[in-house]
Amino acid sequence: MDMVMKLGTSSSVVIFTKSSCCISHSIETLIRNFGANPIIYELDTHPNGKKMEKALMELGCQPSVPAIFIGKELVGGANEIMSLNVRGKLKQLLIRANAIWV
């Protein structure tokens, strides 16, 4: 779990994904469309991917991907990000995290 938290807090936006997950790709695209440049960790190609996936599940991510950290905090998965976006709060969260400047 420490490895995931360390990686998750290493940048303003970090997304844990799997290369075959279309929802993860959609969330990544949404965040990039705001102008952010997230760090992406694909668990199915990462050498410690299985351990990282287990740690994400222990942190409460069900399913394990996508798992999104913004501003050094675990925001959650796709449902949480989409909810923030629909309520107009995702952009402000990205600005506060210094992931975007406009």
PDB file of N, CA and C in Angstrom:
ATOM      1  N   MET A   1       0.819  -1.189   0.000  1.00  0.00           N
ATOM      2  CA  MET A   1       0.000   0.000   0.000  1.00  0.00           C
ATOM      3  C   MET A   1       0.869   1.261   0.000  1.00  0.00           C
ATOM      4  N   ASP A   2       2.023   1.191   0.666  1.00  0.00           N
ATOM      5  CA  ASP A   2       2.917   2.346   0.703  1.00  0.00           C
ATOM      6  C   ASP A   2       3.393   2.732  -0.687  1.00  0.00           C
ATOM      7  N   MET A   3       3.669   1.729  -1.541  1.00  0.00           N
ATOM      8  CA  MET A   3       4.138   2.014  -2.893  1.00  0.00           C
ATOM      9  C   MET A   3       3.066   2.769  -3.672  1.00  0.00           C
ATOM     10  N   VAL A   4       1.824   2.351  -3.562  1.00  0.00           N
ATOM     11  CA  VAL A   4       0.730   3.005  -4.278  1.00  0.00           C
ATOM     12  C   VAL A   4       0.554   4.433  -3.777  1.00  0.00           C
ATOM     13  N   MET A   5       0.596   4.628  -2.474  1.00  0.00           N
ATOM     14  CA  MET A   5       0.438   5.973  -1.925  1.00  0.00           C
ATOM     15  C   MET A   5       1.600   6.870  -2.350  1.00  0.00           C
ATOM     16  N   LYS A   6       2.801   6.329  -2.367  1.00  0.00           N
ATOM     17  CA  LYS A   6       3.969   7.114  -2.784  1.00  0.00           C
ATOM     18  C   LYS A   6       3.843   7.521  -4.254  1.00  0.00           C
ATOM     19  N   LEU A   7       3.471   6.560  -5.114  1.00  0.00           N
ATOM     20  CA  LEU A   7       3.292   6.867  -6.535  1.00  0.00           C
ATOM     21  C   LEU A   7       2.108   7.805  -6.743  1.00  0.00           C
ATOM     22  N   GLY A   8       1.033   7.563  -6.020  1.00  0.00           N
ATOM     23  CA  GLY A   8      -0.181   8.367  -6.170  1.00  0.00           C
ATOM     24  C   GLY A   8       0.002   9.813  -5.777  1.00  0.00           C
ATOM     25  N   THR A   9       0.923  10.065  -4.884  1.00  0.00           N
ATOM     26  CA  THR A   9       1.147  11.434  -4.427  1.00  0.00           C
ATOM     27  C   THR A   9       2.382  12.066  -5.061  1.00  0.00           C
ATOM     28  N   SER A  10       2.941  11.409  -6.073  1.00  0.00           N
ATOM     29  CA  SER A  10       4.173  11.899  -6.703  1.00  0.00           C
ATOM     30  C   SER A  10       3.940  13.004  -7.725  1.00  0.00           C
ATOM     31  N   SER A  11       2.704  13.222  -8.108  1.00  0.00           N
ATOM     32  CA  SER A  11       2.387  14.227  -9.122  1.00  0.00           C
ATOM     33  C   SER A  11       1.010  14.801  -8.820  1.00  0.00           C
ATOM     34  N   SER A  12       0.653  15.888  -9.510  1.00  0.00           N
ATOM     35  CA  SER A  12      -0.646  16.515  -9.247  1.00  0.00           C
ATOM     36  C   SER A  12      -1.818  15.635  -9.671  1.00  0.00           C
ATOM     37  N   VAL A  13      -1.638  14.815 -10.714  1.00  0.00           N
ATOM     38  CA  VAL A  13      -2.678  13.872 -11.137  1.00  0.00           C
ATOM     39  C   VAL A  13      -2.011  12.545 -11.500  1.00  0.00           C
ATOM     40  N   VAL A  14      -2.468  11.484 -10.865  1.00  0.00           N
ATOM     41  CA  VAL A  14      -1.956  10.141 -11.122  1.00  0.00           C
ATOM     42  C   VAL A  14      -3.144   9.223 -11.332  1.00  0.00           C
ATOM     43  N   ILE A  15      -3.070   8.418 -12.396  1.00  0.00           N
ATOM     44  CA  ILE A  15      -4.147   7.481 -12.702  1.00  0.00           C
ATOM     45  C   ILE A  15      -3.563   6.077 -12.790  1.00  0.00           C
ATOM     46  N   PHE A  16      -4.140   5.162 -12.023  1.00  0.00           N
ATOM     47  CA  PHE A  16      -3.799   3.749 -12.119  1.00  0.00           C
ATOM     48  C   PHE A  16      -4.835   3.105 -13.031  1.00  0.00           C
ATOM     49  N   THR A  17      -4.361   2.429 -14.080  1.00  0.00           N
ATOM     50  CA  THR A  17      -5.246   1.876 -15.095  1.00  0.00           C
ATOM     51  C   THR A  17      -4.808   0.464 -15.472  1.00  0.00           C
ATOM     52  N   LYS A  18      -5.538  -0.087 -16.406  1.00  0.00           N
ATOM     53  CA  LYS A  18      -5.114  -1.286 -17.137  1.00  0.00           C
ATOM     54  C   LYS A  18      -5.254  -0.936 -18.610  1.00  0.00           C
ATOM     55  N   SER A  19      -4.347  -1.428 -19.412  1.00  0.00           N
ATOM     56  CA  SER A  19      -4.327  -1.051 -20.829  1.00  0.00           C
ATOM     57  C   SER A  19      -5.595  -1.471 -21.558  1.00  0.00           C
ATOM     58  N   SER A  20      -6.288  -2.478 -21.069  1.00  0.00           N
ATOM     59  CA  SER A  20      -7.494  -2.972 -21.744  1.00  0.00           C
ATOM     60  C   SER A  20      -8.783  -2.357 -21.203  1.00  0.00           C
ATOM     61  N   CYS A  21      -8.680  -1.434 -20.244  1.00  0.00           N
ATOM     62  CA  CYS A  21      -9.874  -0.872 -19.601  1.00  0.00           C
ATOM     63  C   CYS A  21     -10.341   0.386 -20.328  1.00  0.00           C
ATOM     64  N   CYS A  22     -11.488   0.285 -20.990  1.00  0.00           N
ATOM     65  CA  CYS A  22     -11.996   1.430 -21.751  1.00  0.00           C
ATOM     66  C   CYS A  22     -12.465   2.560 -20.836  1.00  0.00           C
ATOM     67  N   ILE A  23     -12.935   2.242 -19.648  1.00  0.00           N
ATOM     68  CA  ILE A  23     -13.344   3.286 -18.707  1.00  0.00           C
ATOM     69  C   ILE A  23     -12.117   4.088 -18.257  1.00  0.00           C
ATOM     70  N   SER A  24     -11.019   3.391 -17.995  1.00  0.00           N
ATOM     71  CA  SER A  24      -9.780   4.075 -17.618  1.00  0.00           C
ATOM     72  C   SER A  24      -9.351   5.030 -18.728  1.00  0.00           C
ATOM     73  N   HIS A  25      -9.427   4.566 -19.959  1.00  0.00           N
ATOM     74  CA  HIS A  25      -9.056   5.403 -21.101  1.00  0.00           C
ATOM     75  C   HIS A  25      -9.968   6.630 -21.171  1.00  0.00           C
ATOM     76  N   SER A  26     -11.250   6.451 -20.937  1.00  0.00           N
ATOM     77  CA  SER A  26     -12.195   7.576 -20.977  1.00  0.00           C
ATOM     78  C   SER A  26     -11.898   8.604 -19.891  1.00  0.00           C
ATOM     79  N   ILE A  27     -11.572   8.131 -18.696  1.00  0.00           N
ATOM     80  CA  ILE A  27     -11.246   9.044 -17.598  1.00  0.00           C
ATOM     81  C   ILE A  27      -9.949   9.793 -17.900  1.00  0.00           C
ATOM     82  N   GLU A  28      -8.966   9.083 -18.429  1.00  0.00           N
ATOM     83  CA  GLU A  28      -7.705   9.730 -18.810  1.00  0.00           C
ATOM     84  C   GLU A  28      -7.961  10.815 -19.858  1.00  0.00           C
ATOM     85  N   THR A  29      -8.775  10.508 -20.854  1.00  0.00           N
ATOM     86  CA  THR A  29      -9.102  11.479 -21.899  1.00  0.00           C
ATOM     87  C   THR A  29      -9.827  12.688 -21.323  1.00  0.00           C
ATOM     88  N   LEU A  30     -10.774  12.454 -20.427  1.00  0.00           N
ATOM     89  CA  LEU A  30     -11.504  13.549 -19.791  1.00  0.00           C
ATOM     90  C   LEU A  30     -10.545  14.491 -19.066  1.00  0.00           C
ATOM     91  N   ILE A  31      -9.656  13.930 -18.283  1.00  0.00           N
ATOM     92  CA  ILE A  31      -8.712  14.755 -17.516  1.00  0.00           C
ATOM     93  C   ILE A  31      -7.747  15.480 -18.442  1.00  0.00           C
ATOM     94  N   ARG A  32      -7.282  14.816 -19.484  1.00  0.00           N
ATOM     95  CA  ARG A  32      -6.394  15.472 -20.462  1.00  0.00           C
ATOM     96  C   ARG A  32      -7.112  16.603 -21.194  1.00  0.00           C
ATOM     97  N   ASN A  33      -8.411  16.459 -21.433  1.00  0.00           N
ATOM     98  CA  ASN A  33      -9.169  17.506 -22.127  1.00  0.00           C
ATOM     99  C   ASN A  33      -9.241  18.800 -21.322  1.00  0.00           C
ATOM    100  N   PHE A  34      -9.036  18.716 -20.016  1.00  0.00           N
ATOM    101  CA  PHE A  34      -8.961  19.928 -19.201  1.00  0.00           C
ATOM    102  C   PHE A  34      -7.586  20.571 -19.303  1.00  0.00           C
ATOM    103  N   GLY A  35      -6.626  19.871 -19.895  1.00  0.00           N
ATOM    104  CA  GLY A  35      -5.279  20.398 -20.039  1.00  0.00           C
ATOM    105  C   GLY A  35      -4.275  19.796 -19.078  1.00  0.00           C
ATOM    106  N   ALA A  36      -4.717  18.861 -18.257  1.00  0.00           N
ATOM    107  CA  ALA A  36      -3.812  18.214 -17.304  1.00  0.00           C
ATOM    108  C   ALA A  36      -2.995  17.139 -18.016  1.00  0.00           C
ATOM    109  N   ASN A  37      -1.845  16.837 -17.457  1.00  0.00           N
ATOM    110  CA  ASN A  37      -0.974  15.807 -17.995  1.00  0.00           C
ATOM    111  C   ASN A  37      -0.718  14.769 -16.897  1.00  0.00           C
ATOM    112  N   PRO A  38      -1.651  13.819 -16.733  1.00  0.00           N
ATOM    113  CA  PRO A  38      -1.521  12.869 -15.625  1.00  0.00           C
ATOM    114  C   PRO A  38      -0.391  11.863 -15.841  1.00  0.00           C
ATOM    115  N   ILE A  39       0.140  11.379 -14.725  1.00  0.00           N
ATOM    116  CA  ILE A  39       1.061  10.247 -14.744  1.00  0.00           C
ATOM    117  C   ILE A  39       0.178   9.005 -14.775  1.00  0.00           C
ATOM    118  N   ILE A  40       0.481   8.088 -15.688  1.00  0.00           N
ATOM    119  CA  ILE A  40      -0.330   6.877 -15.862  1.00  0.00           C
ATOM    120  C   ILE A  40       0.491   5.653 -15.467  1.00  0.00           C
ATOM    121  N   TYR A  41      -0.104   4.810 -14.639  1.00  0.00           N
ATOM    122  CA  TYR A  41       0.497   3.518 -14.301  1.00  0.00           C
ATOM    123  C   TYR A  41      -0.457   2.426 -14.761  1.00  0.00           C
ATOM    124  N   GLU A  42      -0.033   1.675 -15.767  1.00  0.00           N
ATOM    125  CA  GLU A  42      -0.840   0.560 -16.276  1.00  0.00           C
ATOM    126  C   GLU A  42      -0.467  -0.693 -15.489  1.00  0.00           C
ATOM    127  N   LEU A  43      -1.378  -1.133 -14.670  1.00  0.00           N
ATOM    128  CA  LEU A  43      -1.087  -2.234 -13.752  1.00  0.00           C
ATOM    129  C   LEU A  43      -0.800  -3.548 -14.465  1.00  0.00           C
ATOM    130  N   ASP A  44      -1.401  -3.746 -15.641  1.00  0.00           N
ATOM    131  CA  ASP A  44      -1.177  -5.017 -16.342  1.00  0.00           C
ATOM    132  C   ASP A  44       0.170  -5.074 -17.053  1.00  0.00           C
ATOM    133  N   THR A  45       0.879  -3.952 -17.116  1.00  0.00           N
ATOM    134  CA  THR A  45       2.205  -3.960 -17.736  1.00  0.00           C
ATOM    135  C   THR A  45       3.306  -3.588 -16.741  1.00  0.00           C
ATOM    136  N   HIS A  46       2.946  -3.140 -15.568  1.00  0.00           N
ATOM    137  CA  HIS A  46       3.920  -2.723 -14.552  1.00  0.00           C
ATOM    138  C   HIS A  46       4.452  -3.958 -13.820  1.00  0.00           C
ATOM    139  N   PRO A  47       5.758  -4.003 -13.544  1.00  0.00           N
ATOM    140  CA  PRO A  47       6.332  -5.169 -12.859  1.00  0.00           C
ATOM    141  C   PRO A  47       5.692  -5.467 -11.500  1.00  0.00           C
ATOM    142  N   ASN A  48       5.240  -4.451 -10.797  1.00  0.00           N
ATOM    143  CA  ASN A  48       4.592  -4.639  -9.494  1.00  0.00           C
ATOM    144  C   ASN A  48       3.083  -4.446  -9.577  1.00  0.00           C
ATOM    145  N   GLY A  49       2.534  -4.599 -10.763  1.00  0.00           N
ATOM    146  CA  GLY A  49       1.125  -4.322 -11.004  1.00  0.00           C
ATOM    147  C   GLY A  49       0.160  -5.091 -10.128  1.00  0.00           C
ATOM    148  N   LYS A  50       0.414  -6.372  -9.917  1.00  0.00           N
ATOM    149  CA  LYS A  50      -0.502  -7.184  -9.095  1.00  0.00           C
ATOM    150  C   LYS A  50      -0.508  -6.705  -7.643  1.00  0.00           C
ATOM    151  N   LYS A  51       0.661  -6.371  -7.114  1.00  0.00           N
ATOM    152  CA  LYS A  51       0.742  -5.850  -5.745  1.00  0.00           C
ATOM    153  C   LYS A  51       0.026  -4.502  -5.652  1.00  0.00           C
ATOM    154  N   MET A  52       0.227  -3.676  -6.672  1.00  0.00           N
ATOM    155  CA  MET A  52      -0.395  -2.359  -6.679  1.00  0.00           C
ATOM    156  C   MET A  52      -1.916  -2.479  -6.760  1.00  0.00           C
ATOM    157  N   GLU A  53      -2.392  -3.411  -7.573  1.00  0.00           N
ATOM    158  CA  GLU A  53      -3.836  -3.621  -7.687  1.00  0.00           C
ATOM    159  C   GLU A  53      -4.419  -4.072  -6.355  1.00  0.00           C
ATOM    160  N   LYS A  54      -3.732  -4.973  -5.682  1.00  0.00           N
ATOM    161  CA  LYS A  54      -4.190  -5.440  -4.366  1.00  0.00           C
ATOM    162  C   LYS A  54      -4.233  -4.276  -3.380  1.00  0.00           C
ATOM    163  N   ALA A  55      -3.219  -3.422  -3.402  1.00  0.00           N
ATOM    164  CA  ALA A  55      -3.175  -2.270  -2.503  1.00  0.00           C
ATOM    165  C   ALA A  55      -4.320  -1.301  -2.785  1.00  0.00           C
ATOM    166  N   LEU A  56      -4.625  -1.073  -4.059  1.00  0.00           N
ATOM    167  CA  LEU A  56      -5.738  -0.186  -4.416  1.00  0.00           C
ATOM    168  C   LEU A  56      -7.061  -0.743  -3.897  1.00  0.00           C
ATOM    169  N   MET A  57      -7.222  -2.050  -3.989  1.00  0.00           N
ATOM    170  CA  MET A  57      -8.445  -2.670  -3.481  1.00  0.00           C
ATOM    171  C   MET A  57      -8.520  -2.531  -1.960  1.00  0.00           C
ATOM    172  N   GLU A  58      -7.385  -2.630  -1.279  1.00  0.00           N
ATOM    173  CA  GLU A  58      -7.357  -2.443   0.175  1.00  0.00           C
ATOM    174  C   GLU A  58      -7.684  -1.002   0.559  1.00  0.00           C
ATOM    175  N   LEU A  59      -7.392  -0.062  -0.333  1.00  0.00           N
ATOM    176  CA  LEU A  59      -7.729   1.345  -0.106  1.00  0.00           C
ATOM    177  C   LEU A  59      -9.204   1.636  -0.394  1.00  0.00           C
ATOM    178  N   GLY A  60      -9.919   0.644  -0.895  1.00  0.00           N
ATOM    179  CA  GLY A  60     -11.341   0.807  -1.141  1.00  0.00           C
ATOM    180  C   GLY A  60     -11.733   0.970  -2.593  1.00  0.00           C
ATOM    181  N   CYS A  61     -10.798   0.831  -3.501  1.00  0.00           N
ATOM    182  CA  CYS A  61     -11.113   0.952  -4.928  1.00  0.00           C
ATOM    183  C   CYS A  61     -11.728  -0.353  -5.421  1.00  0.00           C
ATOM    184  N   GLN A  62     -13.002  -0.324  -5.692  1.00  0.00           N
ATOM    185  CA  GLN A  62     -13.718  -1.493  -6.200  1.00  0.00           C
ATOM    186  C   GLN A  62     -14.532  -1.059  -7.412  1.00  0.00           C
ATOM    187  N   PRO A  63     -14.181  -1.400  -8.619  1.00  0.00           N
ATOM    188  CA  PRO A  63     -13.036  -2.201  -9.029  1.00  0.00           C
ATOM    189  C   PRO A  63     -11.738  -1.425  -8.818  1.00  0.00           C
ATOM    190  N   SER A  64     -10.640  -2.115  -9.011  1.00  0.00           N
ATOM    191  CA  SER A  64      -9.337  -1.514  -8.703  1.00  0.00           C
ATOM    192  C   SER A  64      -8.945  -0.399  -9.656  1.00  0.00           C
ATOM    193  N   VAL A  65      -9.418  -0.426 -10.885  1.00  0.00           N
ATOM    194  CA  VAL A  65      -9.079   0.620 -11.852  1.00  0.00           C
ATOM    195  C   VAL A  65     -10.338   1.136 -12.535  1.00  0.00           C
ATOM    196  N   PRO A  66     -10.341   2.375 -12.948  1.00  0.00           N
ATOM    197  CA  PRO A  66      -9.300   3.359 -12.711  1.00  0.00           C
ATOM    198  C   PRO A  66      -9.327   3.844 -11.266  1.00  0.00           C
ATOM    199  N   ALA A  67      -8.164   4.195 -10.775  1.00  0.00           N
ATOM    200  CA  ALA A  67      -8.017   4.826  -9.456  1.00  0.00           C
ATOM    201  C   ALA A  67      -7.277   6.132  -9.688  1.00  0.00           C
ATOM    202  N   ILE A  68      -7.882   7.230  -9.244  1.00  0.00           N
ATOM    203  CA  ILE A  68      -7.359   8.541  -9.579  1.00  0.00           C
ATOM    204  C   ILE A  68      -6.958   9.305  -8.322  1.00  0.00           C
ATOM    205  N   PHE A  69      -5.727   9.777  -8.326  1.00  0.00           N
ATOM    206  CA  PHE A  69      -5.229  10.668  -7.283  1.00  0.00           C
ATOM    207  C   PHE A  69      -5.150  12.060  -7.893  1.00  0.00           C
ATOM    208  N   ILE A  70      -5.708  13.038  -7.202  1.00  0.00           N
ATOM    209  CA  ILE A  70      -5.610  14.434  -7.627  1.00  0.00           C
ATOM    210  C   ILE A  70      -5.197  15.242  -6.405  1.00  0.00           C
ATOM    211  N   GLY A  71      -4.167  16.056  -6.570  1.00  0.00           N
ATOM    212  CA  GLY A  71      -3.702  16.862  -5.452  1.00  0.00           C
ATOM    213  C   GLY A  71      -3.199  16.031  -4.293  1.00  0.00           C
ATOM    214  N   LYS A  72      -2.551  14.929  -4.612  1.00  0.00           N
ATOM    215  CA  LYS A  72      -1.938  14.033  -3.629  1.00  0.00           C
ATOM    216  C   LYS A  72      -2.948  13.288  -2.759  1.00  0.00           C
ATOM    217  N   GLU A  73      -4.219  13.238  -3.203  1.00  0.00           N
ATOM    218  CA  GLU A  73      -5.248  12.501  -2.467  1.00  0.00           C
ATOM    219  C   GLU A  73      -5.973  11.559  -3.408  1.00  0.00           C
ATOM    220  N   LEU A  74      -6.350  10.398  -2.882  1.00  0.00           N
ATOM    221  CA  LEU A  74      -7.137   9.444  -3.656  1.00  0.00           C
ATOM    222  C   LEU A  74      -8.553   9.978  -3.771  1.00  0.00           C
ATOM    223  N   VAL A  75      -8.947  10.329  -5.003  1.00  0.00           N
ATOM    224  CA  VAL A  75     -10.292  10.833  -5.246  1.00  0.00           C
ATOM    225  C   VAL A  75     -11.256   9.658  -5.389  1.00  0.00           C
ATOM    226  N   GLY A  76     -10.787   8.588  -6.011  1.00  0.00           N
ATOM    227  CA  GLY A  76     -11.620   7.409  -6.198  1.00  0.00           C
ATOM    228  C   GLY A  76     -11.515   6.895  -7.616  1.00  0.00           C
ATOM    229  N   GLY A  77     -12.621   6.341  -8.082  1.00  0.00           N
ATOM    230  CA  GLY A  77     -12.652   5.738  -9.401  1.00  0.00           C
ATOM    231  C   GLY A  77     -13.455   6.563 -10.392  1.00  0.00           C
ATOM    232  N   ALA A  78     -13.912   5.894 -11.424  1.00  0.00           N
ATOM    233  CA  ALA A  78     -14.632   6.560 -12.512  1.00  0.00           C
ATOM    234  C   ALA A  78     -15.907   7.243 -12.029  1.00  0.00           C
ATOM    235  N   ASN A  79     -16.647   6.597 -11.142  1.00  0.00           N
ATOM    236  CA  ASN A  79     -17.900   7.199 -10.659  1.00  0.00           C
ATOM    237  C   ASN A  79     -17.654   8.532  -9.964  1.00  0.00           C
ATOM    238  N   GLU A  80     -16.627   8.586  -9.135  1.00  0.00           N
ATOM    239  CA  GLU A  80     -16.329   9.818  -8.421  1.00  0.00           C
ATOM    240  C   GLU A  80     -15.880  10.924  -9.378  1.00  0.00           C
ATOM    241  N   ILE A  81     -15.046  10.581 -10.343  1.00  0.00           N
ATOM    242  CA  ILE A  81     -14.568  11.576 -11.309  1.00  0.00           C
ATOM    243  C   ILE A  81     -15.724  12.085 -12.166  1.00  0.00           C
ATOM    244  N   MET A  82     -16.565  11.183 -12.635  1.00  0.00           N
ATOM    245  CA  MET A  82     -17.709  11.608 -13.457  1.00  0.00           C
ATOM    246  C   MET A  82     -18.672  12.467 -12.650  1.00  0.00           C
ATOM    247  N   SER A  83     -18.889  12.117 -11.388  1.00  0.00           N
ATOM    248  CA  SER A  83     -19.762  12.908 -10.529  1.00  0.00           C
ATOM    249  C   SER A  83     -19.201  14.318 -10.332  1.00  0.00           C
ATOM    250  N   LEU A  84     -17.899  14.411 -10.083  1.00  0.00           N
ATOM    251  CA  LEU A  84     -17.268  15.725  -9.954  1.00  0.00           C
ATOM    252  C   LEU A  84     -17.421  16.528 -11.237  1.00  0.00           C
ATOM    253  N   ASN A  85     -17.249  15.876 -12.372  1.00  0.00           N
ATOM    254  CA  ASN A  85     -17.356  16.565 -13.658  1.00  0.00           C
ATOM    255  C   ASN A  85     -18.776  17.070 -13.893  1.00  0.00           C
ATOM    256  N   VAL A  86     -19.762  16.229 -13.640  1.00  0.00           N
ATOM    257  CA  VAL A  86     -21.166  16.609 -13.856  1.00  0.00           C
ATOM    258  C   VAL A  86     -21.546  17.784 -12.959  1.00  0.00           C
ATOM    259  N   ARG A  87     -21.022  17.800 -11.735  1.00  0.00           N
ATOM    260  CA  ARG A  87     -21.334  18.880 -10.799  1.00  0.00           C
ATOM    261  C   ARG A  87     -20.479  20.124 -11.030  1.00  0.00           C
ATOM    262  N   GLY A  88     -19.567  20.065 -12.032  1.00  0.00           N
ATOM    263  CA  GLY A  88     -18.722  21.217 -12.342  1.00  0.00           C
ATOM    264  C   GLY A  88     -17.588  21.421 -11.360  1.00  0.00           C
ATOM    265  N   LYS A  89     -17.206  20.383 -10.614  1.00  0.00           N
ATOM    266  CA  LYS A  89     -16.185  20.526  -9.586  1.00  0.00           C
ATOM    267  C   LYS A  89     -14.840  19.928  -9.967  1.00  0.00           C
ATOM    268  N   LEU A  90     -14.781  19.169 -11.056  1.00  0.00           N
ATOM    269  CA  LEU A  90     -13.517  18.539 -11.451  1.00  0.00           C
ATOM    270  C   LEU A  90     -12.495  19.593 -11.856  1.00  0.00           C
ATOM    271  N   LYS A  91     -12.916  20.585 -12.619  1.00  0.00           N
ATOM    272  CA  LYS A  91     -11.992  21.624 -13.064  1.00  0.00           C
ATOM    273  C   LYS A  91     -11.379  22.358 -11.872  1.00  0.00           C
ATOM    274  N   GLN A  92     -12.211  22.728 -10.888  1.00  0.00           N
ATOM    275  CA  GLN A  92     -11.688  23.419  -9.708  1.00  0.00           C
ATOM    276  C   GLN A  92     -10.710  22.549  -8.936  1.00  0.00           C
ATOM    277  N   LEU A  93     -11.006  21.252  -8.851  1.00  0.00           N
ATOM    278  CA  LEU A  93     -10.106  20.332  -8.159  1.00  0.00           C
ATOM    279  C   LEU A  93      -8.756  20.258  -8.869  1.00  0.00           C
ATOM    280  N   LEU A  94      -8.773  20.221 -10.191  1.00  0.00           N
ATOM    281  CA  LEU A  94      -7.530  20.196 -10.967  1.00  0.00           C
ATOM    282  C   LEU A  94      -6.752  21.500 -10.811  1.00  0.00           C
ATOM    283  N   ILE A  95      -7.452  22.614 -10.747  1.00  0.00           N
ATOM    284  CA  ILE A  95      -6.787  23.908 -10.551  1.00  0.00           C
ATOM    285  C   ILE A  95      -6.134  23.956  -9.169  1.00  0.00           C
ATOM    286  N   ARG A  96      -6.870  23.539  -8.126  1.00  0.00           N
ATOM    287  CA  ARG A  96      -6.315  23.538  -6.769  1.00  0.00           C
ATOM    288  C   ARG A  96      -5.099  22.625  -6.643  1.00  0.00           C
ATOM    289  N   ALA A  97      -5.066  21.557  -7.450  1.00  0.00           N
ATOM    290  CA  ALA A  97      -3.943  20.619  -7.416  1.00  0.00           C
ATOM    291  C   ALA A  97      -2.764  21.106  -8.266  1.00  0.00           C
ATOM    292  N   ASN A  98      -2.914  22.267  -8.895  1.00  0.00           N
ATOM    293  CA  ASN A  98      -1.907  22.823  -9.808  1.00  0.00           C
ATOM    294  C   ASN A  98      -1.657  21.914 -11.003  1.00  0.00           C
ATOM    295  N   ALA A  99      -2.698  21.188 -11.402  1.00  0.00           N
ATOM    296  CA  ALA A  99      -2.605  20.336 -12.597  1.00  0.00           C
ATOM    297  C   ALA A  99      -2.938  21.126 -13.856  1.00  0.00           C
ATOM    298  N   ILE A 100      -3.749  22.177 -13.684  1.00  0.00           N
ATOM    299  CA  ILE A 100      -4.066  23.090 -14.779  1.00  0.00           C
ATOM    300  C   ILE A 100      -4.033  24.503 -14.207  1.00  0.00           C
ATOM    301  N   TRP A 101      -3.928  25.498 -15.101  1.00  0.00           N
ATOM    302  CA  TRP A 101      -3.769  26.874 -14.633  1.00  0.00           C
ATOM    303  C   TRP A 101      -4.849  27.804 -15.143  1.00  0.00           C
ATOM    304  N   VAL A 102      -5.830  27.304 -15.831  1.00  0.00           N
ATOM    305  CA  VAL A 102      -6.872  28.179 -16.375  1.00  0.00           C
ATOM    306  C   VAL A 102      -8.206  27.843 -15.766  1.00  0.00           C
TER     307      VAL A 102
END
